[in-house]
Amino acid sequence: MKRVMVRYKVKADRAGDNQRYIEKVFEELHASGPEGLRYASFKLDDGVSFVHIASIETDDGQNPLSNTAAFKAFQEGSMRGAAGSRPVARHRLVSLSRAMIQSAGSMFLPFSSVLQEL
């Protein structure tokens, strides 16, 4: 299993476009239902920062996102609006509280977390 977290900022006039790209990715994921992917995206309170968390649980370790047209369009389109680099951080879960597991619900289900403002 591989987990990846990406946090980045976009230019203020590109935040809406970035959100629409993300929504298209989730539309495609819901329609295609790829196995072995858990994916969540968040828009932070400043309105221009985004966080993506993915858990890739495929047998071959390949990321199903890489095969989706919407994700490719997102990568190309969102980079035009980027306001800096996109550091990718691999991470390991240390722990979750019982309340987090019960209340987070969709964040930990396959492709269920749609962009939300925190």
N, C-alpha and C. Protein backbone atom coordinates (compact mmCIF):
# COMPACT_ATOMS: atom_id res chain seq x y z
N MET A 1 0.84 -1.17 0.00
CA MET A 1 0.00 0.00 0.00
C MET A 1 0.89 1.24 0.00
N LYS A 2 0.53 2.19 -0.82
CA LYS A 2 1.27 3.45 -0.90
C LYS A 2 0.30 4.59 -0.60
N ARG A 3 0.71 5.50 0.25
CA ARG A 3 -0.11 6.68 0.56
C ARG A 3 0.65 7.92 0.14
N VAL A 4 -0.07 8.85 -0.46
CA VAL A 4 0.54 10.08 -0.95
C VAL A 4 -0.32 11.25 -0.51
N MET A 5 0.34 12.33 -0.09
CA MET A 5 -0.36 13.56 0.25
C MET A 5 0.32 14.70 -0.51
N VAL A 6 -0.50 15.52 -1.17
CA VAL A 6 0.01 16.67 -1.92
C VAL A 6 -0.72 17.90 -1.41
N ARG A 7 0.03 18.94 -1.11
CA ARG A 7 -0.55 20.22 -0.69
C ARG A 7 0.04 21.31 -1.57
N TYR A 8 -0.82 22.19 -2.08
CA TYR A 8 -0.35 23.23 -2.98
C TYR A 8 -1.31 24.42 -2.95
N LYS A 9 -0.85 25.52 -3.52
CA LYS A 9 -1.66 26.72 -3.69
C LYS A 9 -1.78 27.02 -5.17
N VAL A 10 -2.92 27.60 -5.52
CA VAL A 10 -3.12 28.10 -6.88
C VAL A 10 -3.32 29.61 -6.79
N LYS A 11 -3.16 30.27 -7.92
CA LYS A 11 -3.44 31.70 -7.97
C LYS A 11 -4.93 31.91 -7.71
N ALA A 12 -5.26 33.00 -7.03
CA ALA A 12 -6.64 33.23 -6.61
C ALA A 12 -7.63 33.17 -7.76
N ASP A 13 -7.25 33.69 -8.92
CA ASP A 13 -8.17 33.68 -10.05
C ASP A 13 -8.31 32.30 -10.71
N ARG A 14 -7.53 31.30 -10.23
CA ARG A 14 -7.59 29.94 -10.79
C ARG A 14 -8.20 28.93 -9.82
N ALA A 15 -8.57 29.37 -8.62
CA ALA A 15 -9.10 28.44 -7.61
C ALA A 15 -10.38 27.76 -8.08
N GLY A 16 -11.27 28.50 -8.71
CA GLY A 16 -12.51 27.91 -9.20
C GLY A 16 -12.26 26.88 -10.28
N ASP A 17 -11.33 27.18 -11.20
CA ASP A 17 -10.97 26.22 -12.25
C ASP A 17 -10.39 24.96 -11.63
N ASN A 18 -9.51 25.13 -10.65
CA ASN A 18 -8.89 23.98 -10.00
C ASN A 18 -9.95 23.09 -9.35
N GLN A 19 -10.90 23.71 -8.68
CA GLN A 19 -11.96 22.95 -8.03
C GLN A 19 -12.77 22.18 -9.07
N ARG A 20 -13.08 22.81 -10.20
CA ARG A 20 -13.84 22.12 -11.25
C ARG A 20 -13.06 20.94 -11.82
N TYR A 21 -11.75 21.08 -12.00
CA TYR A 21 -10.93 19.94 -12.45
C TYR A 21 -11.04 18.79 -11.46
N ILE A 22 -10.95 19.11 -10.18
CA ILE A 22 -11.03 18.07 -9.14
C ILE A 22 -12.39 17.40 -9.17
N GLU A 23 -13.44 18.18 -9.30
CA GLU A 23 -14.79 17.60 -9.36
C GLU A 23 -14.94 16.66 -10.54
N LYS A 24 -14.34 16.99 -11.67
CA LYS A 24 -14.37 16.12 -12.86
C LYS A 24 -13.64 14.80 -12.59
N VAL A 25 -12.53 14.88 -11.86
CA VAL A 25 -11.80 13.66 -11.50
C VAL A 25 -12.72 12.73 -10.70
N PHE A 26 -13.41 13.29 -9.70
CA PHE A 26 -14.29 12.46 -8.89
C PHE A 26 -15.48 11.93 -9.68
N GLU A 27 -15.99 12.72 -10.60
CA GLU A 27 -17.07 12.22 -11.47
C GLU A 27 -16.61 10.99 -12.24
N GLU A 28 -15.40 11.07 -12.81
CA GLU A 28 -14.87 9.93 -13.56
C GLU A 28 -14.61 8.74 -12.65
N LEU A 29 -14.08 8.98 -11.46
CA LEU A 29 -13.83 7.88 -10.53
C LEU A 29 -15.12 7.20 -10.11
N HIS A 30 -16.15 7.98 -9.85
CA HIS A 30 -17.43 7.39 -9.48
C HIS A 30 -18.01 6.58 -10.63
N ALA A 31 -17.84 7.04 -11.85
CA ALA A 31 -18.38 6.34 -13.02
C ALA A 31 -17.59 5.07 -13.33
N SER A 32 -16.25 5.13 -13.20
CA SER A 32 -15.42 4.00 -13.59
C SER A 32 -15.17 3.01 -12.45
N GLY A 33 -15.20 3.49 -11.22
CA GLY A 33 -15.03 2.63 -10.06
C GLY A 33 -13.75 1.81 -10.03
N PRO A 34 -12.58 2.43 -10.21
CA PRO A 34 -11.35 1.64 -10.20
C PRO A 34 -11.10 1.00 -8.84
N GLU A 35 -10.62 -0.22 -8.87
CA GLU A 35 -10.30 -0.94 -7.63
C GLU A 35 -8.98 -0.43 -7.06
N GLY A 36 -8.86 -0.48 -5.75
CA GLY A 36 -7.58 -0.22 -5.11
C GLY A 36 -7.21 1.24 -4.94
N LEU A 37 -8.20 2.13 -4.95
CA LEU A 37 -7.90 3.55 -4.79
C LEU A 37 -8.83 4.15 -3.75
N ARG A 38 -8.24 4.84 -2.81
CA ARG A 38 -8.99 5.68 -1.85
C ARG A 38 -8.40 7.07 -2.02
N TYR A 39 -9.28 8.04 -2.24
CA TYR A 39 -8.80 9.35 -2.64
C TYR A 39 -9.68 10.43 -2.03
N ALA A 40 -9.05 11.46 -1.48
CA ALA A 40 -9.78 12.57 -0.90
C ALA A 40 -9.11 13.87 -1.32
N SER A 41 -9.91 14.91 -1.51
CA SER A 41 -9.40 16.23 -1.86
C SER A 41 -10.06 17.26 -0.96
N PHE A 42 -9.28 18.25 -0.56
CA PHE A 42 -9.78 19.28 0.34
C PHE A 42 -9.35 20.65 -0.15
N LYS A 43 -10.21 21.63 0.07
CA LYS A 43 -9.89 23.03 -0.19
C LYS A 43 -9.79 23.70 1.18
N LEU A 44 -8.67 24.35 1.45
CA LEU A 44 -8.45 24.95 2.76
C LEU A 44 -9.13 26.31 2.87
N ASP A 45 -9.19 26.82 4.09
CA ASP A 45 -9.92 28.05 4.37
C ASP A 45 -9.44 29.27 3.60
N ASP A 46 -8.19 29.29 3.19
CA ASP A 46 -7.70 30.46 2.46
C ASP A 46 -8.25 30.53 1.04
N GLY A 47 -8.93 29.46 0.59
CA GLY A 47 -9.57 29.46 -0.72
C GLY A 47 -8.65 29.17 -1.89
N VAL A 48 -7.35 29.10 -1.65
CA VAL A 48 -6.40 28.86 -2.74
C VAL A 48 -5.48 27.66 -2.46
N SER A 49 -5.58 27.09 -1.28
CA SER A 49 -4.76 25.92 -0.93
C SER A 49 -5.60 24.66 -1.03
N PHE A 50 -4.99 23.62 -1.58
CA PHE A 50 -5.66 22.35 -1.76
C PHE A 50 -4.78 21.24 -1.22
N VAL A 51 -5.42 20.20 -0.69
CA VAL A 51 -4.72 19.02 -0.21
C VAL A 51 -5.38 17.80 -0.83
N HIS A 52 -4.57 16.89 -1.34
CA HIS A 52 -5.06 15.63 -1.90
C HIS A 52 -4.38 14.51 -1.13
N ILE A 53 -5.15 13.51 -0.74
CA ILE A 53 -4.62 12.34 -0.07
C ILE A 53 -5.09 11.12 -0.85
N ALA A 54 -4.15 10.27 -1.21
CA ALA A 54 -4.48 9.06 -1.95
C ALA A 54 -3.84 7.86 -1.28
N SER A 55 -4.59 6.78 -1.23
CA SER A 55 -4.08 5.50 -0.79
C SER A 55 -4.23 4.55 -1.96
N ILE A 56 -3.10 4.05 -2.46
CA ILE A 56 -3.10 3.15 -3.61
C ILE A 56 -2.93 1.74 -3.07
N GLU A 57 -3.94 0.92 -3.30
CA GLU A 57 -3.98 -0.42 -2.72
C GLU A 57 -4.15 -1.47 -3.83
N THR A 58 -3.52 -1.25 -4.98
CA THR A 58 -3.63 -2.19 -6.09
C THR A 58 -2.58 -3.29 -5.92
N ASP A 59 -2.85 -4.45 -6.51
CA ASP A 59 -1.92 -5.58 -6.42
C ASP A 59 -0.56 -5.25 -7.03
N ASP A 60 -0.58 -4.49 -8.14
CA ASP A 60 0.68 -4.18 -8.83
C ASP A 60 1.29 -2.85 -8.40
N GLY A 61 0.63 -2.13 -7.48
CA GLY A 61 1.15 -0.87 -6.99
C GLY A 61 0.93 0.32 -7.92
N GLN A 62 0.27 0.08 -9.05
CA GLN A 62 0.01 1.16 -10.01
C GLN A 62 -1.13 2.04 -9.51
N ASN A 63 -1.03 3.32 -9.75
CA ASN A 63 -2.04 4.28 -9.32
C ASN A 63 -3.14 4.38 -10.38
N PRO A 64 -4.37 3.97 -10.05
CA PRO A 64 -5.48 4.05 -11.01
C PRO A 64 -5.76 5.46 -11.50
N LEU A 65 -5.39 6.47 -10.72
CA LEU A 65 -5.61 7.85 -11.16
C LEU A 65 -4.86 8.15 -12.45
N SER A 66 -3.71 7.54 -12.60
CA SER A 66 -2.87 7.80 -13.77
C SER A 66 -3.55 7.42 -15.08
N ASN A 67 -4.55 6.55 -15.00
CA ASN A 67 -5.23 6.07 -16.20
C ASN A 67 -6.50 6.83 -16.53
N THR A 68 -6.81 7.87 -15.77
CA THR A 68 -8.07 8.59 -16.01
C THR A 68 -7.82 9.88 -16.79
N ALA A 69 -8.66 10.10 -17.78
CA ALA A 69 -8.54 11.31 -18.61
C ALA A 69 -8.72 12.57 -17.77
N ALA A 70 -9.67 12.53 -16.83
CA ALA A 70 -9.95 13.71 -16.01
C ALA A 70 -8.75 14.08 -15.13
N PHE A 71 -8.04 13.08 -14.61
CA PHE A 71 -6.88 13.37 -13.77
C PHE A 71 -5.75 13.96 -14.61
N LYS A 72 -5.58 13.45 -15.82
CA LYS A 72 -4.56 14.01 -16.72
C LYS A 72 -4.89 15.47 -17.04
N ALA A 73 -6.17 15.75 -17.32
CA ALA A 73 -6.59 17.13 -17.60
C ALA A 73 -6.38 18.00 -16.36
N PHE A 74 -6.69 17.46 -15.19
CA PHE A 74 -6.48 18.19 -13.94
C PHE A 74 -5.01 18.56 -13.78
N GLN A 75 -4.12 17.58 -13.99
CA GLN A 75 -2.69 17.85 -13.84
C GLN A 75 -2.22 18.94 -14.79
N GLU A 76 -2.64 18.87 -16.03
CA GLU A 76 -2.24 19.87 -17.01
C GLU A 76 -2.85 21.24 -16.69
N GLY A 77 -4.13 21.27 -16.43
CA GLY A 77 -4.83 22.53 -16.18
C GLY A 77 -4.46 23.18 -14.87
N SER A 78 -4.31 22.39 -13.83
CA SER A 78 -4.03 22.98 -12.53
C SER A 78 -2.60 23.50 -12.44
N MET A 79 -1.70 22.92 -13.20
CA MET A 79 -0.32 23.42 -13.18
C MET A 79 -0.23 24.82 -13.78
N ARG A 80 -1.12 25.14 -14.71
CA ARG A 80 -1.12 26.49 -15.26
C ARG A 80 -1.51 27.52 -14.21
N GLY A 81 -2.29 27.10 -13.23
CA GLY A 81 -2.72 28.02 -12.19
C GLY A 81 -1.92 27.91 -10.90
N ALA A 82 -0.88 27.10 -10.92
CA ALA A 82 -0.11 26.87 -9.70
C ALA A 82 0.59 28.14 -9.23
N ALA A 83 0.68 28.27 -7.93
CA ALA A 83 1.37 29.41 -7.33
C ALA A 83 2.61 28.93 -6.60
N GLY A 84 3.24 27.93 -7.12
CA GLY A 84 4.44 27.37 -6.49
C GLY A 84 4.55 25.89 -6.79
N SER A 85 5.47 25.23 -6.13
CA SER A 85 5.68 23.81 -6.36
C SER A 85 4.60 22.99 -5.66
N ARG A 86 4.56 21.71 -6.00
CA ARG A 86 3.60 20.79 -5.40
C ARG A 86 4.35 19.68 -4.68
N PRO A 87 4.72 19.93 -3.45
CA PRO A 87 5.46 18.90 -2.73
C PRO A 87 4.58 17.67 -2.49
N VAL A 88 5.12 16.52 -2.80
CA VAL A 88 4.43 15.25 -2.58
C VAL A 88 5.07 14.61 -1.36
N ALA A 89 4.24 14.22 -0.41
CA ALA A 89 4.75 13.60 0.80
C ALA A 89 4.13 12.21 0.96
N ARG A 90 4.99 11.20 0.93
CA ARG A 90 4.51 9.87 1.27
C ARG A 90 4.41 9.84 2.79
N HIS A 91 3.42 9.16 3.29
CA HIS A 91 3.22 9.18 4.73
C HIS A 91 2.65 7.85 5.21
N ARG A 92 2.75 7.64 6.49
CA ARG A 92 2.20 6.45 7.13
C ARG A 92 1.25 6.91 8.22
N LEU A 93 0.12 6.26 8.29
CA LEU A 93 -0.85 6.56 9.32
C LEU A 93 -0.30 6.08 10.66
N VAL A 94 -0.32 6.96 11.64
CA VAL A 94 0.12 6.59 12.97
C VAL A 94 -1.05 6.01 13.74
N SER A 95 -2.17 6.73 13.73
CA SER A 95 -3.32 6.26 14.48
C SER A 95 -4.56 7.08 14.14
N LEU A 96 -5.70 6.55 14.41
CA LEU A 96 -6.98 7.24 14.29
C LEU A 96 -7.78 6.99 15.55
N SER A 97 -8.49 8.00 16.01
CA SER A 97 -9.38 7.78 17.14
C SER A 97 -10.65 7.09 16.64
N ARG A 98 -11.33 6.42 17.52
CA ARG A 98 -12.58 5.76 17.16
C ARG A 98 -13.58 6.78 16.59
N ALA A 99 -13.62 7.97 17.21
CA ALA A 99 -14.54 9.01 16.73
C ALA A 99 -14.19 9.44 15.31
N MET A 100 -12.89 9.52 15.00
CA MET A 100 -12.48 9.91 13.65
C MET A 100 -12.92 8.87 12.64
N ILE A 101 -12.75 7.61 12.97
CA ILE A 101 -13.16 6.54 12.06
C ILE A 101 -14.66 6.60 11.83
N GLN A 102 -15.44 6.79 12.89
CA GLN A 102 -16.89 6.79 12.78
C GLN A 102 -17.42 8.04 12.10
N SER A 103 -16.83 9.20 12.38
CA SER A 103 -17.37 10.44 11.83
C SER A 103 -16.79 10.80 10.47
N ALA A 104 -15.57 10.37 10.18
CA ALA A 104 -14.96 10.74 8.90
C ALA A 104 -15.64 10.04 7.75
N GLY A 105 -16.14 8.86 8.00
CA GLY A 105 -16.92 8.13 7.02
C GLY A 105 -16.35 8.14 5.63
N SER A 106 -16.83 9.05 4.80
CA SER A 106 -16.51 9.03 3.38
C SER A 106 -15.03 9.26 3.09
N MET A 107 -14.30 9.90 3.99
CA MET A 107 -12.88 10.13 3.71
C MET A 107 -12.12 8.82 3.59
N PHE A 108 -12.60 7.80 4.28
CA PHE A 108 -11.87 6.54 4.29
C PHE A 108 -12.52 5.48 3.41
N LEU A 109 -13.50 5.87 2.63
CA LEU A 109 -14.11 4.95 1.69
C LEU A 109 -13.59 5.26 0.30
N PRO A 110 -13.56 4.29 -0.59
CA PRO A 110 -13.03 4.53 -1.94
C PRO A 110 -13.73 5.71 -2.62
N PHE A 111 -12.95 6.58 -3.19
CA PHE A 111 -13.31 7.78 -3.95
C PHE A 111 -14.55 8.49 -3.47
N SER A 112 -14.80 8.51 -2.17
CA SER A 112 -16.03 9.11 -1.68
C SER A 112 -15.90 10.56 -1.24
N SER A 113 -14.70 11.00 -0.98
CA SER A 113 -14.58 12.35 -0.46
C SER A 113 -14.49 13.33 -1.61
N VAL A 114 -15.52 14.12 -1.76
CA VAL A 114 -15.53 15.15 -2.79
C VAL A 114 -15.03 16.43 -2.15
N LEU A 115 -14.50 17.30 -2.95
CA LEU A 115 -13.93 18.54 -2.46
C LEU A 115 -14.85 19.20 -1.44
N GLN A 116 -14.27 19.57 -0.34
CA GLN A 116 -15.05 20.26 0.68
C GLN A 116 -14.21 21.36 1.30
N GLU A 117 -14.87 22.36 1.77
CA GLU A 117 -14.16 23.42 2.48
C GLU A 117 -14.08 23.04 3.92
N LEU A 118 -12.90 23.14 4.52
CA LEU A 118 -12.71 22.80 5.92
C LEU A 118 -13.05 23.97 6.81
